[in-house]
Structure formats: C-alpha cells, structure tokens
Full PDB file with SEQRES, HELIX, SHEET, SSBOND, CRYST1, ORIGX, SCALE, CONECT and MASTER records, all heavy atoms in Angstrom:
SEQRES   1 A   38  THR VAL ALA PRO ALA LYS VAL LEU VAL LEU GLY ALA GLY          
SEQRES   2 A   38  VAL ALA GLY LEU GLN ALA ILE ALA THR ALA LYS ARG LEU          
SEQRES   3 A   38  GLY ALA ILE VAL SER ALA THR ASP VAL ARG PRO VAL              
HELIX    1 AA1 VAL A   14  ARG A   25  1                                  12    
SHEET    1 AA1 2 LYS A   6  LEU A  10  0                                        
SHEET    2 AA1 2 ILE A  29  THR A  33  1                                        
CRYST1    1.000    1.000    1.000  90.00  90.00  90.00 P 1           1          
ORIGX1      1.000000  0.000000  0.000000        0.00000                         
ORIGX2      0.000000  1.000000  0.000000        0.00000                         
ORIGX3      0.000000  0.000000  1.000000        0.00000                         
SCALE1      1.000000  0.000000  0.000000        0.00000                         
SCALE2      0.000000  1.000000  0.000000        0.00000                         
SCALE3      0.000000  0.000000  1.000000        0.00000                         
ATOM      1  N   THR A   1      11.183 -15.510  13.266  1.00  0.00           N  
ATOM      2  CA  THR A   1      10.328 -16.068  12.210  1.00  0.00           C  
ATOM      3  C   THR A   1       9.124 -15.166  11.954  1.00  0.00           C  
ATOM      4  O   THR A   1       8.486 -14.687  12.887  1.00  0.00           O  
ATOM      5  CB  THR A   1       9.839 -17.473  12.602  1.00  0.00           C  
ATOM      6  OG1 THR A   1      10.966 -18.318  12.802  1.00  0.00           O  
ATOM      7  CG2 THR A   1       8.948 -18.061  11.521  1.00  0.00           C  
ATOM      8  N   VAL A   2       8.828 -14.970  10.660  1.00  0.00           N  
ATOM      9  CA  VAL A   2       7.618 -14.258  10.241  1.00  0.00           C  
ATOM     10  C   VAL A   2       6.561 -15.300   9.895  1.00  0.00           C  
ATOM     11  O   VAL A   2       6.790 -16.171   9.050  1.00  0.00           O  
ATOM     12  CB  VAL A   2       7.897 -13.366   9.014  1.00  0.00           C  
ATOM     13  CG1 VAL A   2       6.598 -12.732   8.515  1.00  0.00           C  
ATOM     14  CG2 VAL A   2       8.920 -12.299   9.354  1.00  0.00           C  
ATOM     15  N   ALA A   3       5.428 -15.235  10.553  1.00  0.00           N  
ATOM     16  CA  ALA A   3       4.371 -16.226  10.328  1.00  0.00           C  
ATOM     17  C   ALA A   3       3.713 -16.011   8.968  1.00  0.00           C  
ATOM     18  O   ALA A   3       3.575 -14.868   8.511  1.00  0.00           O  
ATOM     19  CB  ALA A   3       3.328 -16.126  11.430  1.00  0.00           C  
ATOM     20  N   PRO A   4       3.290 -17.106   8.304  1.00  0.00           N  
ATOM     21  CA  PRO A   4       2.632 -16.956   6.999  1.00  0.00           C  
ATOM     22  C   PRO A   4       1.229 -16.379   7.147  1.00  0.00           C  
ATOM     23  O   PRO A   4       0.569 -16.567   8.172  1.00  0.00           O  
ATOM     24  CB  PRO A   4       2.583 -18.391   6.475  1.00  0.00           C  
ATOM     25  CG  PRO A   4       2.544 -19.238   7.701  1.00  0.00           C  
ATOM     26  CD  PRO A   4       3.401 -18.518   8.715  1.00  0.00           C  
ATOM     27  N   ALA A   5       0.782 -15.693   6.123  1.00  0.00           N  
ATOM     28  CA  ALA A   5      -0.587 -15.169   6.110  1.00  0.00           C  
ATOM     29  C   ALA A   5      -1.570 -16.310   5.935  1.00  0.00           C  
ATOM     30  O   ALA A   5      -1.272 -17.324   5.290  1.00  0.00           O  
ATOM     31  CB  ALA A   5      -0.750 -14.166   4.974  1.00  0.00           C  
ATOM     32  N   LYS A   6      -2.743 -16.147   6.510  1.00  0.00           N  
ATOM     33  CA  LYS A   6      -3.820 -17.127   6.352  1.00  0.00           C  
ATOM     34  C   LYS A   6      -4.889 -16.512   5.443  1.00  0.00           C  
ATOM     35  O   LYS A   6      -5.402 -15.427   5.736  1.00  0.00           O  
ATOM     36  CB  LYS A   6      -4.415 -17.502   7.696  1.00  0.00           C  
ATOM     37  CG  LYS A   6      -3.433 -18.242   8.603  1.00  0.00           C  
ATOM     38  CD  LYS A   6      -4.068 -18.599   9.936  1.00  0.00           C  
ATOM     39  CE  LYS A   6      -3.083 -19.348  10.820  1.00  0.00           C  
ATOM     40  NZ  LYS A   6      -3.673 -19.673  12.152  1.00  0.00           N  
ATOM     41  N   VAL A   7      -5.192 -17.208   4.358  1.00  0.00           N  
ATOM     42  CA  VAL A   7      -6.104 -16.691   3.340  1.00  0.00           C  
ATOM     43  C   VAL A   7      -7.334 -17.577   3.241  1.00  0.00           C  
ATOM     44  O   VAL A   7      -7.213 -18.808   3.142  1.00  0.00           O  
ATOM     45  CB  VAL A   7      -5.403 -16.608   1.967  1.00  0.00           C  
ATOM     46  CG1 VAL A   7      -6.387 -16.155   0.889  1.00  0.00           C  
ATOM     47  CG2 VAL A   7      -4.207 -15.664   2.024  1.00  0.00           C  
ATOM     48  N   LEU A   8      -8.514 -16.964   3.252  1.00  0.00           N  
ATOM     49  CA  LEU A   8      -9.766 -17.673   3.040  1.00  0.00           C  
ATOM     50  C   LEU A   8     -10.364 -17.213   1.723  1.00  0.00           C  
ATOM     51  O   LEU A   8     -10.582 -16.019   1.515  1.00  0.00           O  
ATOM     52  CB  LEU A   8     -10.754 -17.399   4.176  1.00  0.00           C  
ATOM     53  CG  LEU A   8     -12.176 -17.963   3.999  1.00  0.00           C  
ATOM     54  CD1 LEU A   8     -12.148 -19.488   3.960  1.00  0.00           C  
ATOM     55  CD2 LEU A   8     -13.097 -17.472   5.115  1.00  0.00           C  
ATOM     56  N   VAL A   9     -10.634 -18.156   0.817  1.00  0.00           N  
ATOM     57  CA  VAL A   9     -11.253 -17.853  -0.470  1.00  0.00           C  
ATOM     58  C   VAL A   9     -12.716 -18.281  -0.408  1.00  0.00           C  
ATOM     59  O   VAL A   9     -13.005 -19.455  -0.135  1.00  0.00           O  
ATOM     60  CB  VAL A   9     -10.533 -18.556  -1.627  1.00  0.00           C  
ATOM     61  CG1 VAL A   9     -11.229 -18.267  -2.956  1.00  0.00           C  
ATOM     62  CG2 VAL A   9      -9.068 -18.113  -1.692  1.00  0.00           C  
ATOM     63  N   LEU A  10     -13.613 -17.350  -0.644  1.00  0.00           N  
ATOM     64  CA  LEU A  10     -15.046 -17.644  -0.587  1.00  0.00           C  
ATOM     65  C   LEU A  10     -15.581 -17.784  -2.008  1.00  0.00           C  
ATOM     66  O   LEU A  10     -15.651 -16.801  -2.755  1.00  0.00           O  
ATOM     67  CB  LEU A  10     -15.788 -16.542   0.163  1.00  0.00           C  
ATOM     68  CG  LEU A  10     -15.389 -16.405   1.643  1.00  0.00           C  
ATOM     69  CD1 LEU A  10     -14.346 -15.311   1.825  1.00  0.00           C  
ATOM     70  CD2 LEU A  10     -16.599 -16.090   2.515  1.00  0.00           C  
ATOM     71  N   GLY A  11     -15.917 -19.004  -2.378  1.00  0.00           N  
ATOM     72  CA  GLY A  11     -16.347 -19.304  -3.734  1.00  0.00           C  
ATOM     73  C   GLY A  11     -15.216 -19.971  -4.486  1.00  0.00           C  
ATOM     74  O   GLY A  11     -14.165 -19.357  -4.708  1.00  0.00           O  
ATOM     75  N   ALA A  12     -15.407 -21.223  -4.875  1.00  0.00           N  
ATOM     76  CA  ALA A  12     -14.333 -21.982  -5.526  1.00  0.00           C  
ATOM     77  C   ALA A  12     -14.667 -22.260  -6.985  1.00  0.00           C  
ATOM     78  O   ALA A  12     -14.542 -23.378  -7.473  1.00  0.00           O  
ATOM     79  CB  ALA A  12     -14.072 -23.291  -4.779  1.00  0.00           C  
ATOM     80  N   GLY A  13     -15.112 -21.200  -7.682  1.00  0.00           N  
ATOM     81  CA  GLY A  13     -15.287 -21.299  -9.120  1.00  0.00           C  
ATOM     82  C   GLY A  13     -13.967 -21.019  -9.804  1.00  0.00           C  
ATOM     83  O   GLY A  13     -12.895 -21.203  -9.218  1.00  0.00           O  
ATOM     84  N   VAL A  14     -14.014 -20.542 -11.032  1.00  0.00           N  
ATOM     85  CA  VAL A  14     -12.791 -20.278 -11.783  1.00  0.00           C  
ATOM     86  C   VAL A  14     -11.921 -19.249 -11.074  1.00  0.00           C  
ATOM     87  O   VAL A  14     -10.722 -19.449 -10.877  1.00  0.00           O  
ATOM     88  CB  VAL A  14     -13.123 -19.810 -13.214  1.00  0.00           C  
ATOM     89  CG1 VAL A  14     -11.857 -19.398 -13.954  1.00  0.00           C  
ATOM     90  CG2 VAL A  14     -13.836 -20.917 -13.985  1.00  0.00           C  
ATOM     91  N   ALA A  15     -12.511 -18.114 -10.679  1.00  0.00           N  
ATOM     92  CA  ALA A  15     -11.742 -17.069 -10.004  1.00  0.00           C  
ATOM     93  C   ALA A  15     -11.211 -17.557  -8.664  1.00  0.00           C  
ATOM     94  O   ALA A  15     -10.057 -17.299  -8.302  1.00  0.00           O  
ATOM     95  CB  ALA A  15     -12.607 -15.822  -9.814  1.00  0.00           C  
ATOM     96  N   GLY A  16     -12.050 -18.269  -7.935  1.00  0.00           N  
ATOM     97  CA  GLY A  16     -11.648 -18.759  -6.621  1.00  0.00           C  
ATOM     98  C   GLY A  16     -10.501 -19.749  -6.682  1.00  0.00           C  
ATOM     99  O   GLY A  16      -9.559 -19.684  -5.884  1.00  0.00           O  
ATOM    100  N   LEU A  17     -10.563 -20.669  -7.623  1.00  0.00           N  
ATOM    101  CA  LEU A  17      -9.495 -21.660  -7.745  1.00  0.00           C  
ATOM    102  C   LEU A  17      -8.169 -21.002  -8.134  1.00  0.00           C  
ATOM    103  O   LEU A  17      -7.108 -21.386  -7.639  1.00  0.00           O  
ATOM    104  CB  LEU A  17      -9.888 -22.733  -8.771  1.00  0.00           C  
ATOM    105  CG  LEU A  17     -11.051 -23.643  -8.348  1.00  0.00           C  
ATOM    106  CD1 LEU A  17     -11.463 -24.549  -9.509  1.00  0.00           C  
ATOM    107  CD2 LEU A  17     -10.672 -24.490  -7.127  1.00  0.00           C  
ATOM    108  N   GLN A  18      -8.235 -20.010  -9.010  1.00  0.00           N  
ATOM    109  CA  GLN A  18      -6.998 -19.305  -9.364  1.00  0.00           C  
ATOM    110  C   GLN A  18      -6.481 -18.492  -8.179  1.00  0.00           C  
ATOM    111  O   GLN A  18      -5.262 -18.398  -7.969  1.00  0.00           O  
ATOM    112  CB  GLN A  18      -7.235 -18.392 -10.563  1.00  0.00           C  
ATOM    113  CG  GLN A  18      -5.991 -17.700 -11.081  1.00  0.00           C  
ATOM    114  CD  GLN A  18      -4.896 -18.662 -11.464  1.00  0.00           C  
ATOM    115  OE1 GLN A  18      -3.850 -18.735 -10.809  1.00  0.00           O  
ATOM    116  NE2 GLN A  18      -5.114 -19.426 -12.527  1.00  0.00           N  
ATOM    117  N   ALA A  19      -7.389 -17.933  -7.385  1.00  0.00           N  
ATOM    118  CA  ALA A  19      -6.976 -17.204  -6.184  1.00  0.00           C  
ATOM    119  C   ALA A  19      -6.279 -18.145  -5.199  1.00  0.00           C  
ATOM    120  O   ALA A  19      -5.263 -17.781  -4.592  1.00  0.00           O  
ATOM    121  CB  ALA A  19      -8.193 -16.546  -5.530  1.00  0.00           C  
ATOM    122  N   ILE A  20      -6.824 -19.350  -5.053  1.00  0.00           N  
ATOM    123  CA  ILE A  20      -6.199 -20.344  -4.175  1.00  0.00           C  
ATOM    124  C   ILE A  20      -4.783 -20.657  -4.655  1.00  0.00           C  
ATOM    125  O   ILE A  20      -3.816 -20.639  -3.881  1.00  0.00           O  
ATOM    126  CB  ILE A  20      -7.036 -21.637  -4.138  1.00  0.00           C  
ATOM    127  CG1 ILE A  20      -8.369 -21.399  -3.431  1.00  0.00           C  
ATOM    128  CG2 ILE A  20      -6.260 -22.771  -3.438  1.00  0.00           C  
ATOM    129  CD1 ILE A  20      -9.372 -22.530  -3.612  1.00  0.00           C  
ATOM    130  N   ALA A  21      -4.661 -20.946  -5.941  1.00  0.00           N  
ATOM    131  CA  ALA A  21      -3.359 -21.303  -6.505  1.00  0.00           C  
ATOM    132  C   ALA A  21      -2.353 -20.169  -6.338  1.00  0.00           C  
ATOM    133  O   ALA A  21      -1.177 -20.397  -6.006  1.00  0.00           O  
ATOM    134  CB  ALA A  21      -3.514 -21.665  -7.978  1.00  0.00           C  
ATOM    135  N   THR A  22      -2.801 -18.936  -6.547  1.00  0.00           N  
ATOM    136  CA  THR A  22      -1.906 -17.781  -6.445  1.00  0.00           C  
ATOM    137  C   THR A  22      -1.475 -17.539  -5.006  1.00  0.00           C  
ATOM    138  O   THR A  22      -0.295 -17.279  -4.729  1.00  0.00           O  
ATOM    139  CB  THR A  22      -2.591 -16.522  -7.013  1.00  0.00           C  
ATOM    140  OG1 THR A  22      -2.987 -16.774  -8.359  1.00  0.00           O  
ATOM    141  CG2 THR A  22      -1.659 -15.326  -6.979  1.00  0.00           C  
ATOM    142  N   ALA A  23      -2.427 -17.635  -4.078  1.00  0.00           N  
ATOM    143  CA  ALA A  23      -2.091 -17.442  -2.665  1.00  0.00           C  
ATOM    144  C   ALA A  23      -1.117 -18.518  -2.184  1.00  0.00           C  
ATOM    145  O   ALA A  23      -0.200 -18.244  -1.395  1.00  0.00           O  
ATOM    146  CB  ALA A  23      -3.369 -17.464  -1.827  1.00  0.00           C  
ATOM    147  N   LYS A  24      -1.302 -19.753  -2.662  1.00  0.00           N  
ATOM    148  CA  LYS A  24      -0.369 -20.831  -2.311  1.00  0.00           C  
ATOM    149  C   LYS A  24       1.026 -20.522  -2.854  1.00  0.00           C  
ATOM    150  O   LYS A  24       2.033 -20.755  -2.177  1.00  0.00           O  
ATOM    151  CB  LYS A  24      -0.870 -22.161  -2.861  1.00  0.00           C  
ATOM    152  CG  LYS A  24      -2.086 -22.736  -2.160  1.00  0.00           C  
ATOM    153  CD  LYS A  24      -1.769 -23.187  -0.724  1.00  0.00           C  
ATOM    154  CE  LYS A  24      -0.835 -24.377  -0.697  1.00  0.00           C  
ATOM    155  NZ  LYS A  24      -0.580 -24.834   0.695  1.00  0.00           N  
ATOM    156  N   ARG A  25       1.099 -20.023  -4.089  1.00  0.00           N  
ATOM    157  CA  ARG A  25       2.404 -19.694  -4.676  1.00  0.00           C  
ATOM    158  C   ARG A  25       3.120 -18.620  -3.863  1.00  0.00           C  
ATOM    159  O   ARG A  25       4.351 -18.593  -3.809  1.00  0.00           O  
ATOM    160  CB  ARG A  25       2.227 -19.194  -6.118  1.00  0.00           C  
ATOM    161  CG  ARG A  25       1.790 -20.233  -7.116  1.00  0.00           C  
ATOM    162  CD  ARG A  25       1.867 -19.671  -8.535  1.00  0.00           C  
ATOM    163  NE  ARG A  25       1.045 -20.444  -9.454  1.00  0.00           N  
ATOM    164  CZ  ARG A  25      -0.114 -20.077  -9.946  1.00  0.00           C  
ATOM    165  NH1 ARG A  25      -0.625 -18.907  -9.605  1.00  0.00           N  
ATOM    166  NH2 ARG A  25      -0.790 -20.837 -10.770  1.00  0.00           N  
ATOM    167  N   LEU A  26       2.339 -17.729  -3.267  1.00  0.00           N  
ATOM    168  CA  LEU A  26       2.931 -16.664  -2.462  1.00  0.00           C  
ATOM    169  C   LEU A  26       3.257 -17.118  -1.047  1.00  0.00           C  
ATOM    170  O   LEU A  26       3.743 -16.324  -0.238  1.00  0.00           O  
ATOM    171  CB  LEU A  26       1.988 -15.454  -2.414  1.00  0.00           C  
ATOM    172  CG  LEU A  26       1.801 -14.698  -3.733  1.00  0.00           C  
ATOM    173  CD1 LEU A  26       0.808 -13.568  -3.564  1.00  0.00           C  
ATOM    174  CD2 LEU A  26       3.145 -14.145  -4.222  1.00  0.00           C  
ATOM    175  N   GLY A  27       2.974 -18.381  -0.744  1.00  0.00           N  
ATOM    176  CA  GLY A  27       3.377 -18.946   0.538  1.00  0.00           C  
ATOM    177  C   GLY A  27       2.367 -18.858   1.650  1.00  0.00           C  
ATOM    178  O   GLY A  27       2.685 -19.127   2.817  1.00  0.00           O  
ATOM    179  N   ALA A  28       1.120 -18.506   1.346  1.00  0.00           N  
ATOM    180  CA  ALA A  28       0.092 -18.389   2.379  1.00  0.00           C  
ATOM    181  C   ALA A  28      -0.483 -19.752   2.744  1.00  0.00           C  
ATOM    182  O   ALA A  28      -0.387 -20.714   1.980  1.00  0.00           O  
ATOM    183  CB  ALA A  28      -1.020 -17.466   1.905  1.00  0.00           C  
ATOM    184  N   ILE A  29      -1.091 -19.808   3.911  1.00  0.00           N  
ATOM    185  CA  ILE A  29      -1.884 -20.975   4.304  1.00  0.00           C  
ATOM    186  C   ILE A  29      -3.307 -20.693   3.839  1.00  0.00           C  
ATOM    187  O   ILE A  29      -3.909 -19.689   4.233  1.00  0.00           O  
ATOM    188  CB  ILE A  29      -1.849 -21.184   5.826  1.00  0.00           C  
ATOM    189  CG1 ILE A  29      -0.422 -21.495   6.286  1.00  0.00           C  
ATOM    190  CG2 ILE A  29      -2.803 -22.301   6.241  1.00  0.00           C  
ATOM    191  CD1 ILE A  29      -0.260 -21.528   7.786  1.00  0.00           C  
ATOM    192  N   VAL A  30      -3.853 -21.565   2.997  1.00  0.00           N  
ATOM    193  CA  VAL A  30      -5.108 -21.247   2.301  1.00  0.00           C  
ATOM    194  C   VAL A  30      -6.221 -22.229   2.657  1.00  0.00           C  
ATOM    195  O   VAL A  30      -5.999 -23.445   2.718  1.00  0.00           O  
ATOM    196  CB  VAL A  30      -4.899 -21.251   0.775  1.00  0.00           C  
ATOM    197  CG1 VAL A  30      -6.166 -20.778   0.059  1.00  0.00           C  
ATOM    198  CG2 VAL A  30      -3.716 -20.363   0.381  1.00  0.00           C  
ATOM    199  N   SER A  31      -7.398 -21.684   2.864  1.00  0.00           N  
ATOM    200  CA  SER A  31      -8.620 -22.482   2.993  1.00  0.00           C  
ATOM    201  C   SER A  31      -9.665 -21.864   2.076  1.00  0.00           C  
ATOM    202  O   SER A  31      -9.536 -20.717   1.645  1.00  0.00           O  
ATOM    203  CB  SER A  31      -9.118 -22.525   4.441  1.00  0.00           C  
ATOM    204  OG  SER A  31      -9.328 -21.215   4.938  1.00  0.00           O  
ATOM    205  N   ALA A  32     -10.694 -22.633   1.761  1.00  0.00           N  
ATOM    206  CA  ALA A  32     -11.721 -22.141   0.838  1.00  0.00           C  
ATOM    207  C   ALA A  32     -13.064 -22.742   1.193  1.00  0.00           C  
ATOM    208  O   ALA A  32     -13.149 -23.839   1.758  1.00  0.00           O  
ATOM    209  CB  ALA A  32     -11.356 -22.485  -0.606  1.00  0.00           C  
ATOM    210  N   THR A  33     -14.121 -22.011   0.834  1.00  0.00           N  
ATOM    211  CA  THR A  33     -15.472 -22.499   1.073  1.00  0.00           C  
ATOM    212  C   THR A  33     -16.325 -22.325  -0.174  1.00  0.00           C  
ATOM    213  O   THR A  33     -16.093 -21.424  -0.978  1.00  0.00           O  
ATOM    214  CB  THR A  33     -16.121 -21.753   2.261  1.00  0.00           C  
ATOM    215  OG1 THR A  33     -17.431 -22.272   2.504  1.00  0.00           O  
ATOM    216  CG2 THR A  33     -16.224 -20.263   1.983  1.00  0.00           C  
ATOM    217  N   ASP A  34     -17.286 -23.229  -0.350  1.00  0.00           N  
ATOM    218  CA  ASP A  34     -18.207 -23.187  -1.477  1.00  0.00           C  
ATOM    219  C   ASP A  34     -19.413 -24.025  -1.105  1.00  0.00           C  
ATOM    220  O   ASP A  34     -19.312 -24.934  -0.272  1.00  0.00           O  
ATOM    221  CB  ASP A  34     -17.535 -23.749  -2.745  1.00  0.00           C  
ATOM    222  CG  ASP A  34     -18.257 -23.333  -4.022  1.00  0.00           C  
ATOM    223  OD1 ASP A  34     -19.357 -23.878  -4.278  1.00  0.00           O  
ATOM    224  OD2 ASP A  34     -17.738 -22.489  -4.756  1.00  0.00           O  
ATOM    225  N   VAL A  35     -20.571 -23.731  -1.710  1.00  0.00           N  
ATOM    226  CA  VAL A  35     -21.776 -24.500  -1.405  1.00  0.00           C  
ATOM    227  C   VAL A  35     -21.829 -25.803  -2.199  1.00  0.00           C  
ATOM    228  O   VAL A  35     -22.651 -26.669  -1.927  1.00  0.00           O  
ATOM    229  CB  VAL A  35     -23.058 -23.677  -1.678  1.00  0.00           C  
ATOM    230  CG1 VAL A  35     -23.070 -22.431  -0.802  1.00  0.00           C  
ATOM    231  CG2 VAL A  35     -23.179 -23.303  -3.151  1.00  0.00           C  
ATOM    232  N   ARG A  36     -20.955 -25.954  -3.207  1.00  0.00           N  
ATOM    233  CA  ARG A  36     -21.000 -27.130  -4.073  1.00  0.00           C  
ATOM    234  C   ARG A  36     -20.002 -28.190  -3.610  1.00  0.00           C  
ATOM    235  O   ARG A  36     -18.798 -27.931  -3.579  1.00  0.00           O  
ATOM    236  CB  ARG A  36     -20.675 -26.721  -5.514  1.00  0.00           C  
ATOM    237  CG  ARG A  36     -21.618 -25.684  -6.113  1.00  0.00           C  
ATOM    238  CD  ARG A  36     -21.016 -25.065  -7.375  1.00  0.00           C  
ATOM    239  NE  ARG A  36     -19.735 -24.432  -7.090  1.00  0.00           N  
ATOM    240  CZ  ARG A  36     -18.674 -24.491  -7.887  1.00  0.00           C  
ATOM    241  NH1 ARG A  36     -18.733 -25.166  -9.023  1.00  0.00           N  
ATOM    242  NH2 ARG A  36     -17.554 -23.884  -7.556  1.00  0.00           N  
ATOM    243  N   PRO A  37     -20.467 -29.387  -3.263  1.00  0.00           N  
ATOM    244  CA  PRO A  37     -19.550 -30.438  -2.810  1.00  0.00           C  
ATOM    245  C   PRO A  37     -18.481 -30.785  -3.839  1.00  0.00           C  
ATOM    246  O   PRO A  37     -17.373 -31.179  -3.481  1.00  0.00           O  
ATOM    247  CB  PRO A  37     -20.490 -31.637  -2.581  1.00  0.00           C  
ATOM    248  CG  PRO A  37     -21.837 -31.050  -2.364  1.00  0.00           C  
ATOM    249  CD  PRO A  37     -21.878 -29.818  -3.219  1.00  0.00           C  
ATOM    250  N   VAL A  38     -18.812 -30.616  -5.136  1.00  0.00           N  
ATOM    251  CA  VAL A  38     -17.857 -30.956  -6.186  1.00  0.00           C  
ATOM    252  C   VAL A  38     -16.595 -30.104  -6.082  1.00  0.00           C  
ATOM    253  O   VAL A  38     -15.525 -30.499  -6.572  1.00  0.00           O  
ATOM    254  CB  VAL A  38     -18.506 -30.786  -7.581  1.00  0.00           C  
ATOM    255  CG1 VAL A  38     -18.755 -29.317  -7.887  1.00  0.00           C  
ATOM    256  CG2 VAL A  38     -17.648 -31.411  -8.671  1.00  0.00           C  
TER     257      VAL A  38                                                      
MASTER        0    0    0    1    2    0    0    6  256    1    0    3          
END                                                                             
C-alpha cells in the first residue's frame, strides 16, 4: 500500500478553498487553518 499524502492549506479564502477541493480530488488527506471562524 502507498500511503496518501497529507496536505495542509494555510488560509481558507477563495484560493485556499479551491486548493482544499483540488487536493481532495487527488486523494490527499487535507486539513486547513484560518484565523476566521466562519
């Protein structure tokens, strides 16, 4: 088995959210951080 990549996205604005979606599509395990609770 090849383990999935773990991706951290820093900043969940427009670019960050698209990065999250793209990394998920590629099969990575994704986490993200932002200063805004929203």
